[in-house]
């Protein structure tokens, strides 16, 4: 559990970005901030709300930074609902991310996925592009982390490697959306996506992420190797995803090890 001063700081950040939450704290600090000691809750309840609104562009500026990591997804979301992104600050995803110290880009992604699930947003193109851009964000951060300590005799996909399954044509749609966003042309009309699926992989190297199409056996192995496992366990799970094709799974493991996308203890 975070120390009281950090929890208080998190609550203050939530108040700055969510005016409705700030007003609720003002009206009943001990009830709204029951996780804080009463004295600290009272201090936040005494904050002058006008001071929280002093930087009028803060919320838009933060959204602008987040949009740079989910550029196509946020463009498609705004095309459907021009005010949708500002609703992020009142969402459970935003408040949980601030409280728990999670990356806001993933909270925004979860918020958009929730809006899709609830039917507020309806675009199949958005759902497909969002899955790819979130995988890229995960790959980028994973690639920056310290090397993983693997148990001897086990394999895991390399740092900065994220397999993705998406509707066929989703990668081409992402590229088209990004080109359109850069050109600032007329409203973007996404093409209809196929009911077939394609398998992709996001790979981060030195902070730069590339997305490549991969064969389904390679995807099945990478998906099965999200955490350290024995080669036999990875092959078994991947084979099940390939219709019990153990030979294809074995060949995929060998290929991925050769390409250093599947790694073991040095």
C-alpha atoms as a PDB file:
ATOM      1  CA  UNK A   1       0.000   0.000   0.000  1.00  0.00           C
ATOM      2  CA  UNK A   2       1.243   3.488  -0.873  1.00  0.00           C
ATOM      3  CA  UNK A   3       2.173   5.831   1.986  1.00  0.00           C
ATOM      4  CA  UNK A   4      -0.461   8.372   2.971  1.00  0.00           C
ATOM      5  CA  UNK A   5       1.365  11.291   1.380  1.00  0.00           C
ATOM      6  CA  UNK A   6       1.480   9.541  -1.999  1.00  0.00           C
ATOM      7  CA  UNK A   7      -2.189   8.569  -1.783  1.00  0.00           C
ATOM      8  CA  UNK A   8      -2.996  12.186  -0.971  1.00  0.00           C
ATOM      9  CA  UNK A   9      -0.963  13.337  -3.954  1.00  0.00           C
ATOM     10  CA  UNK A  10      -2.822  10.889  -6.200  1.00  0.00           C
ATOM     11  CA  UNK A  11      -6.173  12.163  -4.947  1.00  0.00           C
ATOM     12  CA  UNK A  12      -5.128  15.734  -5.677  1.00  0.00           C
ATOM     13  CA  UNK A  13      -4.131  14.810  -9.241  1.00  0.00           C
ATOM     14  CA  UNK A  14      -7.526  13.166  -9.711  1.00  0.00           C
ATOM     15  CA  UNK A  15      -9.180  16.373  -8.481  1.00  0.00           C
ATOM     16  CA  UNK A  16      -7.169  18.482 -10.915  1.00  0.00           C
ATOM     17  CA  UNK A  17      -8.234  16.426 -13.928  1.00  0.00           C
ATOM     18  CA  UNK A  18     -11.791  15.524 -12.926  1.00  0.00           C
ATOM     19  CA  UNK A  19     -13.867  18.568 -11.861  1.00  0.00           C
ATOM     20  CA  UNK A  20     -16.826  16.403 -10.840  1.00  0.00           C
ATOM     21  CA  UNK A  21     -14.608  14.379  -8.531  1.00  0.00           C
ATOM     22  CA  UNK A  22     -13.125  17.590  -7.107  1.00  0.00           C
ATOM     23  CA  UNK A  23     -16.622  18.902  -6.384  1.00  0.00           C
ATOM     24  CA  UNK A  24     -17.565  15.638  -4.680  1.00  0.00           C
ATOM     25  CA  UNK A  25     -14.443  15.838  -2.500  1.00  0.00           C
ATOM     26  CA  UNK A  26     -15.325  19.423  -1.625  1.00  0.00           C
ATOM     27  CA  UNK A  27     -18.829  18.423  -0.570  1.00  0.00           C
ATOM     28  CA  UNK A  28     -17.974  15.296   1.435  1.00  0.00           C
ATOM     29  CA  UNK A  29     -14.204  14.745   1.716  1.00  0.00           C
ATOM     30  CA  UNK A  30     -14.255  11.981   4.300  1.00  0.00           C
ATOM     31  CA  UNK A  31     -16.878   9.980   2.427  1.00  0.00           C
ATOM     32  CA  UNK A  32     -15.275  10.329  -1.000  1.00  0.00           C
ATOM     33  CA  UNK A  33     -11.717   9.872   0.297  1.00  0.00           C
ATOM     34  CA  UNK A  34     -12.458   7.183   2.864  1.00  0.00           C
ATOM     35  CA  UNK A  35      -9.133   5.506   2.037  1.00  0.00           C
ATOM     36  CA  UNK A  36      -7.278   8.518   3.484  1.00  0.00           C
ATOM     37  CA  UNK A  37      -6.904   9.521   7.136  1.00  0.00           C
ATOM     38  CA  UNK A  38      -9.715  11.982   8.017  1.00  0.00           C
ATOM     39  CA  UNK A  39      -7.322  14.900   8.559  1.00  0.00           C
ATOM     40  CA  UNK A  40      -5.814  14.496   5.068  1.00  0.00           C
ATOM     41  CA  UNK A  41      -9.247  14.132   3.506  1.00  0.00           C
ATOM     42  CA  UNK A  42     -10.298  17.358   5.216  1.00  0.00           C
ATOM     43  CA  UNK A  43      -7.228  19.141   3.853  1.00  0.00           C
ATOM     44  CA  UNK A  44      -8.149  18.161   0.308  1.00  0.00           C
ATOM     45  CA  UNK A  45     -11.746  19.179   0.952  1.00  0.00           C
ATOM     46  CA  UNK A  46     -10.508  22.639   1.900  1.00  0.00           C
ATOM     47  CA  UNK A  47      -8.631  23.176  -1.381  1.00  0.00           C
ATOM     48  CA  UNK A  48      -9.882  26.168  -3.378  1.00  0.00           C
ATOM     49  CA  UNK A  49     -11.323  24.631  -6.550  1.00  0.00           C
ATOM     50  CA  UNK A  50     -10.435  27.762  -8.503  1.00  0.00           C
ATOM     51  CA  UNK A  51      -6.756  26.954  -7.980  1.00  0.00           C
ATOM     52  CA  UNK A  52      -7.272  23.556  -9.607  1.00  0.00           C
ATOM     53  CA  UNK A  53      -8.661  25.245 -12.726  1.00  0.00           C
ATOM     54  CA  UNK A  54      -5.822  27.754 -13.081  1.00  0.00           C
ATOM     55  CA  UNK A  55      -4.157  25.854 -15.942  1.00  0.00           C
ATOM     56  CA  UNK A  56      -7.131  25.716 -18.279  1.00  0.00           C
ATOM     57  CA  UNK A  57      -5.306  23.791 -21.009  1.00  0.00           C
ATOM     58  CA  UNK A  58      -3.832  21.066 -18.790  1.00  0.00           C
ATOM     59  CA  UNK A  59      -6.399  18.399 -19.614  1.00  0.00           C
ATOM     60  CA  UNK A  60      -6.193  18.970 -23.370  1.00  0.00           C
ATOM     61  CA  UNK A  61      -2.391  19.087 -23.230  1.00  0.00           C
ATOM     62  CA  UNK A  62      -2.206  15.739 -21.438  1.00  0.00           C
ATOM     63  CA  UNK A  63      -4.641  14.216 -23.922  1.00  0.00           C
ATOM     64  CA  UNK A  64      -2.486  15.500 -26.752  1.00  0.00           C
ATOM     65  CA  UNK A  65       0.497  13.641 -25.343  1.00  0.00           C
ATOM     66  CA  UNK A  66      -1.531  10.431 -24.984  1.00  0.00           C
ATOM     67  CA  UNK A  67      -2.897  10.774 -28.508  1.00  0.00           C
ATOM     68  CA  UNK A  68       0.653  10.694 -29.850  1.00  0.00           C
ATOM     69  CA  UNK A  69       0.934   7.094 -28.660  1.00  0.00           C
ATOM     70  CA  UNK A  70      -2.519   6.048 -29.912  1.00  0.00           C
ATOM     71  CA  UNK A  71      -2.716   8.364 -32.924  1.00  0.00           C
ATOM     72  CA  UNK A  72      -4.939   6.382 -35.290  1.00  0.00           C
ATOM     73  CA  UNK A  73      -7.210   5.098 -32.516  1.00  0.00           C
ATOM     74  CA  UNK A  74      -7.889   8.531 -31.069  1.00  0.00           C
ATOM     75  CA  UNK A  75      -8.451   9.984 -34.548  1.00  0.00           C
ATOM     76  CA  UNK A  76     -11.090   7.339 -35.275  1.00  0.00           C
ATOM     77  CA  UNK A  77     -12.696   7.797 -31.850  1.00  0.00           C
ATOM     78  CA  UNK A  78     -12.944  11.561 -32.307  1.00  0.00           C
ATOM     79  CA  UNK A  79     -14.430  11.076 -35.772  1.00  0.00           C
ATOM     80  CA  UNK A  80     -17.336   9.248 -34.109  1.00  0.00           C
ATOM     81  CA  UNK A  81     -17.682  11.392 -30.981  1.00  0.00           C
ATOM     82  CA  UNK A  82     -15.915  14.739 -30.784  1.00  0.00           C
ATOM     83  CA  UNK A  83     -16.026  14.963 -26.965  1.00  0.00           C
ATOM     84  CA  UNK A  84     -15.289  11.313 -26.165  1.00  0.00           C
ATOM     85  CA  UNK A  85     -11.704  11.759 -25.023  1.00  0.00           C
ATOM     86  CA  UNK A  86     -12.476  14.368 -22.367  1.00  0.00           C
ATOM     87  CA  UNK A  87     -14.751  11.784 -20.746  1.00  0.00           C
ATOM     88  CA  UNK A  88     -11.627   9.761 -19.993  1.00  0.00           C
ATOM     89  CA  UNK A  89     -10.853  11.925 -16.953  1.00  0.00           C
ATOM     90  CA  UNK A  90     -14.105  10.961 -15.252  1.00  0.00           C
ATOM     91  CA  UNK A  91     -13.624   7.259 -15.978  1.00  0.00           C
ATOM     92  CA  UNK A  92     -12.772   4.467 -13.583  1.00  0.00           C
ATOM     93  CA  UNK A  93      -9.792   3.661 -15.803  1.00  0.00           C
ATOM     94  CA  UNK A  94      -8.251   7.109 -15.305  1.00  0.00           C
ATOM     95  CA  UNK A  95      -8.800   7.184 -11.548  1.00  0.00           C
ATOM     96  CA  UNK A  96      -7.420   3.668 -11.077  1.00  0.00           C
ATOM     97  CA  UNK A  97      -4.331   4.478 -13.174  1.00  0.00           C
ATOM     98  CA  UNK A  98      -3.558   7.562 -11.070  1.00  0.00           C
ATOM     99  CA  UNK A  99      -4.213   5.751  -7.817  1.00  0.00           C
ATOM    100  CA  UNK A 100      -2.124   2.704  -8.742  1.00  0.00           C
ATOM    101  CA  UNK A 101       0.607   4.496 -10.713  1.00  0.00           C
ATOM    102  CA  UNK A 102      -0.186   2.763 -14.022  1.00  0.00           C
ATOM    103  CA  UNK A 103       0.665   4.189 -17.436  1.00  0.00           C
ATOM    104  CA  UNK A 104      -2.121   6.477 -18.653  1.00  0.00           C
ATOM    105  CA  UNK A 105      -1.865   5.265 -22.249  1.00  0.00           C
ATOM    106  CA  UNK A 106      -3.130   1.834 -21.216  1.00  0.00           C
ATOM    107  CA  UNK A 107      -5.872   3.411 -19.119  1.00  0.00           C
ATOM    108  CA  UNK A 108      -6.975   5.438 -22.153  1.00  0.00           C
ATOM    109  CA  UNK A 109      -6.894   2.280 -24.263  1.00  0.00           C
ATOM    110  CA  UNK A 110      -9.045   0.454 -21.700  1.00  0.00           C
ATOM    111  CA  UNK A 111     -11.439   3.406 -21.630  1.00  0.00           C
ATOM    112  CA  UNK A 112     -11.851   3.288 -25.421  1.00  0.00           C
ATOM    113  CA  UNK A 113     -12.352  -0.485 -25.301  1.00  0.00           C
ATOM    114  CA  UNK A 114     -15.047   0.046 -22.664  1.00  0.00           C
ATOM    115  CA  UNK A 115     -16.772   2.632 -24.869  1.00  0.00           C
ATOM    116  CA  UNK A 116     -16.737   0.108 -27.704  1.00  0.00           C
ATOM    117  CA  UNK A 117     -18.160  -2.610 -25.465  1.00  0.00           C
ATOM    118  CA  UNK A 118     -20.952  -0.301 -24.307  1.00  0.00           C
ATOM    119  CA  UNK A 119     -21.807   0.799 -27.852  1.00  0.00           C
ATOM    120  CA  UNK A 120     -20.890   4.438 -27.309  1.00  0.00           C
ATOM    121  CA  UNK A 121     -18.270   3.891 -30.006  1.00  0.00           C
ATOM    122  CA  UNK A 122     -19.128   1.395 -32.750  1.00  0.00           C
ATOM    123  CA  UNK A 123     -16.330   1.382 -35.305  1.00  0.00           C
ATOM    124  CA  UNK A 124     -14.832  -2.061 -36.072  1.00  0.00           C
ATOM    125  CA  UNK A 125     -11.897  -0.157 -37.549  1.00  0.00           C
ATOM    126  CA  UNK A 126     -11.274   1.529 -34.186  1.00  0.00           C
ATOM    127  CA  UNK A 127     -11.325  -1.798 -32.354  1.00  0.00           C
ATOM    128  CA  UNK A 128      -8.798  -3.315 -34.767  1.00  0.00           C
ATOM    129  CA  UNK A 129      -6.438  -0.334 -34.828  1.00  0.00           C
ATOM    130  CA  UNK A 130      -6.605   0.096 -31.047  1.00  0.00           C
ATOM    131  CA  UNK A 131      -5.499  -3.508 -30.499  1.00  0.00           C
ATOM    132  CA  UNK A 132      -2.433  -2.923 -32.679  1.00  0.00           C
ATOM    133  CA  UNK A 133      -1.495   0.431 -31.157  1.00  0.00           C
ATOM    134  CA  UNK A 134      -1.830  -0.903 -27.599  1.00  0.00           C
ATOM    135  CA  UNK A 135       0.417  -3.837 -28.512  1.00  0.00           C
ATOM    136  CA  UNK A 136       2.967  -1.342 -29.827  1.00  0.00           C
ATOM    137  CA  UNK A 137       2.779   0.622 -26.564  1.00  0.00           C
ATOM    138  CA  UNK A 138       3.346  -2.567 -24.566  1.00  0.00           C
ATOM    139  CA  UNK A 139       6.267  -3.575 -26.794  1.00  0.00           C
ATOM    140  CA  UNK A 140       7.855  -0.142 -26.457  1.00  0.00           C
ATOM    141  CA  UNK A 141       7.741  -0.224 -22.660  1.00  0.00           C
ATOM    142  CA  UNK A 142       8.734  -3.874 -22.432  1.00  0.00           C
ATOM    143  CA  UNK A 143      11.726  -3.175 -24.621  1.00  0.00           C
ATOM    144  CA  UNK A 144      12.873  -0.442 -22.224  1.00  0.00           C
ATOM    145  CA  UNK A 145      12.652  -2.644 -19.116  1.00  0.00           C
ATOM    146  CA  UNK A 146      15.622  -4.373 -17.502  1.00  0.00           C
ATOM    147  CA  UNK A 147      16.347  -7.855 -18.876  1.00  0.00           C
ATOM    148  CA  UNK A 148      14.122 -10.565 -17.469  1.00  0.00           C
ATOM    149  CA  UNK A 149      15.579 -13.199 -15.180  1.00  0.00           C
ATOM    150  CA  UNK A 150      14.492 -16.536 -16.603  1.00  0.00           C
ATOM    151  CA  UNK A 151      14.525 -19.845 -14.837  1.00  0.00           C
ATOM    152  CA  UNK A 152      17.084 -22.183 -16.347  1.00  0.00           C
ATOM    153  CA  UNK A 153      15.623 -24.460 -18.979  1.00  0.00           C
ATOM    154  CA  UNK A 154      12.719 -22.140 -19.787  1.00  0.00           C
ATOM    155  CA  UNK A 155      11.899 -19.934 -22.753  1.00  0.00           C
ATOM    156  CA  UNK A 156      10.022 -16.678 -23.103  1.00  0.00           C
ATOM    157  CA  UNK A 157       9.443 -14.275 -25.941  1.00  0.00           C
ATOM    158  CA  UNK A 158      12.092 -11.581 -26.131  1.00  0.00           C
ATOM    159  CA  UNK A 159      11.666  -8.186 -24.521  1.00  0.00           C
ATOM    160  CA  UNK A 160       9.759  -5.735 -26.677  1.00  0.00           C
ATOM    161  CA  UNK A 161       7.944  -8.474 -28.620  1.00  0.00           C
ATOM    162  CA  UNK A 162       4.126  -8.423 -28.742  1.00  0.00           C
ATOM    163  CA  UNK A 163       2.100 -10.804 -30.964  1.00  0.00           C
ATOM    164  CA  UNK A 164      -1.213  -9.455 -32.276  1.00  0.00           C
ATOM    165  CA  UNK A 165      -4.199 -11.106 -33.954  1.00  0.00           C
ATOM    166  CA  UNK A 166      -6.472  -8.721 -35.860  1.00  0.00           C
ATOM    167  CA  UNK A 167      -8.980  -8.673 -38.710  1.00  0.00           C
ATOM    168  CA  UNK A 168      -7.341  -9.108 -42.105  1.00  0.00           C
ATOM    169  CA  UNK A 169      -6.451  -5.670 -43.436  1.00  0.00           C
ATOM    170  CA  UNK A 170      -6.069  -4.063 -39.987  1.00  0.00           C
ATOM    171  CA  UNK A 171      -2.378  -3.288 -40.511  1.00  0.00           C
ATOM    172  CA  UNK A 172      -3.049  -1.636 -43.877  1.00  0.00           C
ATOM    173  CA  UNK A 173      -5.891   0.293 -42.236  1.00  0.00           C
ATOM    174  CA  UNK A 174      -3.539   1.526 -39.506  1.00  0.00           C
ATOM    175  CA  UNK A 175      -1.031   2.803 -42.072  1.00  0.00           C
ATOM    176  CA  UNK A 176      -3.791   4.517 -44.060  1.00  0.00           C
ATOM    177  CA  UNK A 177      -5.176   6.173 -40.919  1.00  0.00           C
ATOM    178  CA  UNK A 178      -1.740   7.452 -39.925  1.00  0.00           C
ATOM    179  CA  UNK A 179      -1.128   8.874 -43.402  1.00  0.00           C
ATOM    180  CA  UNK A 180      -4.519  10.560 -43.309  1.00  0.00           C
ATOM    181  CA  UNK A 181      -3.840  12.021 -39.864  1.00  0.00           C
ATOM    182  CA  UNK A 182      -0.564  13.488 -41.086  1.00  0.00           C
ATOM    183  CA  UNK A 183      -2.174  14.980 -44.195  1.00  0.00           C
ATOM    184  CA  UNK A 184      -5.084  16.581 -42.264  1.00  0.00           C
ATOM    185  CA  UNK A 185      -7.308  15.934 -45.252  1.00  0.00           C
ATOM    186  CA  UNK A 186     -11.084  15.472 -45.388  1.00  0.00           C
ATOM    187  CA  UNK A 187     -12.761  13.073 -42.924  1.00  0.00           C
ATOM    188  CA  UNK A 188     -11.244   9.595 -42.993  1.00  0.00           C
ATOM    189  CA  UNK A 189     -13.584   6.826 -44.138  1.00  0.00           C
ATOM    190  CA  UNK A 190     -12.117   3.475 -43.052  1.00  0.00           C
ATOM    191  CA  UNK A 191     -12.568   0.489 -45.352  1.00  0.00           C
ATOM    192  CA  UNK A 192     -14.660  -2.502 -44.309  1.00  0.00           C
ATOM    193  CA  UNK A 193     -12.486  -5.101 -42.645  1.00  0.00           C
ATOM    194  CA  UNK A 194     -12.507  -8.782 -43.579  1.00  0.00           C
ATOM    195  CA  UNK A 195     -13.955 -11.440 -41.298  1.00  0.00           C
ATOM    196  CA  UNK A 196     -10.703 -13.355 -41.818  1.00  0.00           C
ATOM    197  CA  UNK A 197      -7.821 -12.808 -39.393  1.00  0.00           C
ATOM    198  CA  UNK A 198      -4.166 -11.863 -39.763  1.00  0.00           C
ATOM    199  CA  UNK A 199      -1.326 -12.443 -37.313  1.00  0.00           C
ATOM    200  CA  UNK A 200       1.177  -9.691 -36.597  1.00  0.00           C
ATOM    201  CA  UNK A 201       4.030  -8.920 -34.249  1.00  0.00           C
ATOM    202  CA  UNK A 202       5.144  -5.601 -32.788  1.00  0.00           C
ATOM    203  CA  UNK A 203       8.887  -5.496 -32.102  1.00  0.00           C
ATOM    204  CA  UNK A 204      10.566  -2.636 -30.218  1.00  0.00           C
ATOM    205  CA  UNK A 205      14.257  -1.941 -30.786  1.00  0.00           C
ATOM    206  CA  UNK A 206      15.869   1.093 -29.146  1.00  0.00           C
ATOM    207  CA  UNK A 207      12.480   2.697 -28.602  1.00  0.00           C
ATOM    208  CA  UNK A 208      11.342   2.276 -32.211  1.00  0.00           C
ATOM    209  CA  UNK A 209       8.479  -0.134 -32.868  1.00  0.00           C
ATOM    210  CA  UNK A 210       7.994  -2.052 -36.096  1.00  0.00           C
ATOM    211  CA  UNK A 211       4.933  -4.136 -36.945  1.00  0.00           C
ATOM    212  CA  UNK A 212       5.363  -7.138 -39.210  1.00  0.00           C
ATOM    213  CA  UNK A 213       3.072  -9.842 -40.506  1.00  0.00           C
ATOM    214  CA  UNK A 214       3.978 -13.300 -39.249  1.00  0.00           C
ATOM    215  CA  UNK A 215       2.721 -16.790 -39.967  1.00  0.00           C
ATOM    216  CA  UNK A 216       0.144 -18.261 -37.611  1.00  0.00           C
ATOM    217  CA  UNK A 217       2.504 -20.908 -36.111  1.00  0.00           C
ATOM    218  CA  UNK A 218       4.930 -18.142 -35.092  1.00  0.00           C
ATOM    219  CA  UNK A 219       2.059 -16.166 -33.551  1.00  0.00           C
ATOM    220  CA  UNK A 220       0.834 -19.225 -31.655  1.00  0.00           C
ATOM    221  CA  UNK A 221       4.270 -19.819 -30.127  1.00  0.00           C
ATOM    222  CA  UNK A 222       4.843 -16.169 -29.188  1.00  0.00           C
ATOM    223  CA  UNK A 223       1.382 -15.975 -27.649  1.00  0.00           C
ATOM    224  CA  UNK A 224       2.075 -19.141 -25.647  1.00  0.00           C
ATOM    225  CA  UNK A 225       5.452 -17.804 -24.464  1.00  0.00           C
ATOM    226  CA  UNK A 226       4.191 -14.684 -22.670  1.00  0.00           C
ATOM    227  CA  UNK A 227       5.705 -15.989 -19.417  1.00  0.00           C
ATOM    228  CA  UNK A 228       8.716 -18.293 -18.865  1.00  0.00           C
ATOM    229  CA  UNK A 229       7.812 -21.889 -19.681  1.00  0.00           C
ATOM    230  CA  UNK A 230       9.508 -25.071 -20.746  1.00  0.00           C
ATOM    231  CA  UNK A 231       9.876 -25.664 -24.450  1.00  0.00           C
ATOM    232  CA  UNK A 232       7.553 -28.657 -24.186  1.00  0.00           C
ATOM    233  CA  UNK A 233       4.816 -26.578 -22.533  1.00  0.00           C
ATOM    234  CA  UNK A 234       5.065 -23.861 -25.172  1.00  0.00           C
ATOM    235  CA  UNK A 235       4.938 -26.403 -28.001  1.00  0.00           C
ATOM    236  CA  UNK A 236       1.948 -28.137 -26.437  1.00  0.00           C
ATOM    237  CA  UNK A 237      -0.126 -24.963 -26.072  1.00  0.00           C
ATOM    238  CA  UNK A 238       0.869 -23.643 -29.481  1.00  0.00           C
ATOM    239  CA  UNK A 239       0.037 -26.972 -31.092  1.00  0.00           C
ATOM    240  CA  UNK A 240      -3.472 -26.829 -29.612  1.00  0.00           C
ATOM    241  CA  UNK A 241      -3.923 -23.412 -31.204  1.00  0.00           C
ATOM    242  CA  UNK A 242      -2.828 -24.927 -34.517  1.00  0.00           C
ATOM    243  CA  UNK A 243      -5.241 -27.862 -34.476  1.00  0.00           C
ATOM    244  CA  UNK A 244      -2.829 -30.247 -32.711  1.00  0.00           C
ATOM    245  CA  UNK A 245      -0.077 -29.611 -35.264  1.00  0.00           C
ATOM    246  CA  UNK A 246       2.961 -30.353 -33.076  1.00  0.00           C
ATOM    247  CA  UNK A 247       5.353 -30.356 -36.018  1.00  0.00           C
ATOM    248  CA  UNK A 248       4.412 -26.800 -36.974  1.00  0.00           C
ATOM    249  CA  UNK A 249       4.745 -25.676 -33.357  1.00  0.00           C
ATOM    250  CA  UNK A 250       8.182 -27.274 -33.011  1.00  0.00           C
ATOM    251  CA  UNK A 251       9.373 -25.699 -36.256  1.00  0.00           C
ATOM    252  CA  UNK A 252       8.080 -22.300 -35.131  1.00  0.00           C
ATOM    253  CA  UNK A 253       9.942 -22.546 -31.806  1.00  0.00           C
ATOM    254  CA  UNK A 254      13.183 -23.382 -33.615  1.00  0.00           C
ATOM    255  CA  UNK A 255      12.717 -20.478 -36.041  1.00  0.00           C
ATOM    256  CA  UNK A 256      11.931 -17.958 -33.284  1.00  0.00           C
ATOM    257  CA  UNK A 257      14.954 -19.005 -31.250  1.00  0.00           C
ATOM    258  CA  UNK A 258      17.147 -18.533 -34.327  1.00  0.00           C
ATOM    259  CA  UNK A 259      15.662 -15.049 -34.828  1.00  0.00           C
ATOM    260  CA  UNK A 260      16.175 -14.241 -31.108  1.00  0.00           C
ATOM    261  CA  UNK A 261      12.462 -13.565 -30.626  1.00  0.00           C
ATOM    262  CA  UNK A 262      12.289 -16.504 -28.233  1.00  0.00           C
ATOM    263  CA  UNK A 263      15.001 -16.421 -25.614  1.00  0.00           C
ATOM    264  CA  UNK A 264      16.335 -18.586 -22.838  1.00  0.00           C
ATOM    265  CA  UNK A 265      18.604 -18.165 -19.836  1.00  0.00           C
ATOM    266  CA  UNK A 266      22.121 -17.208 -21.004  1.00  0.00           C
END
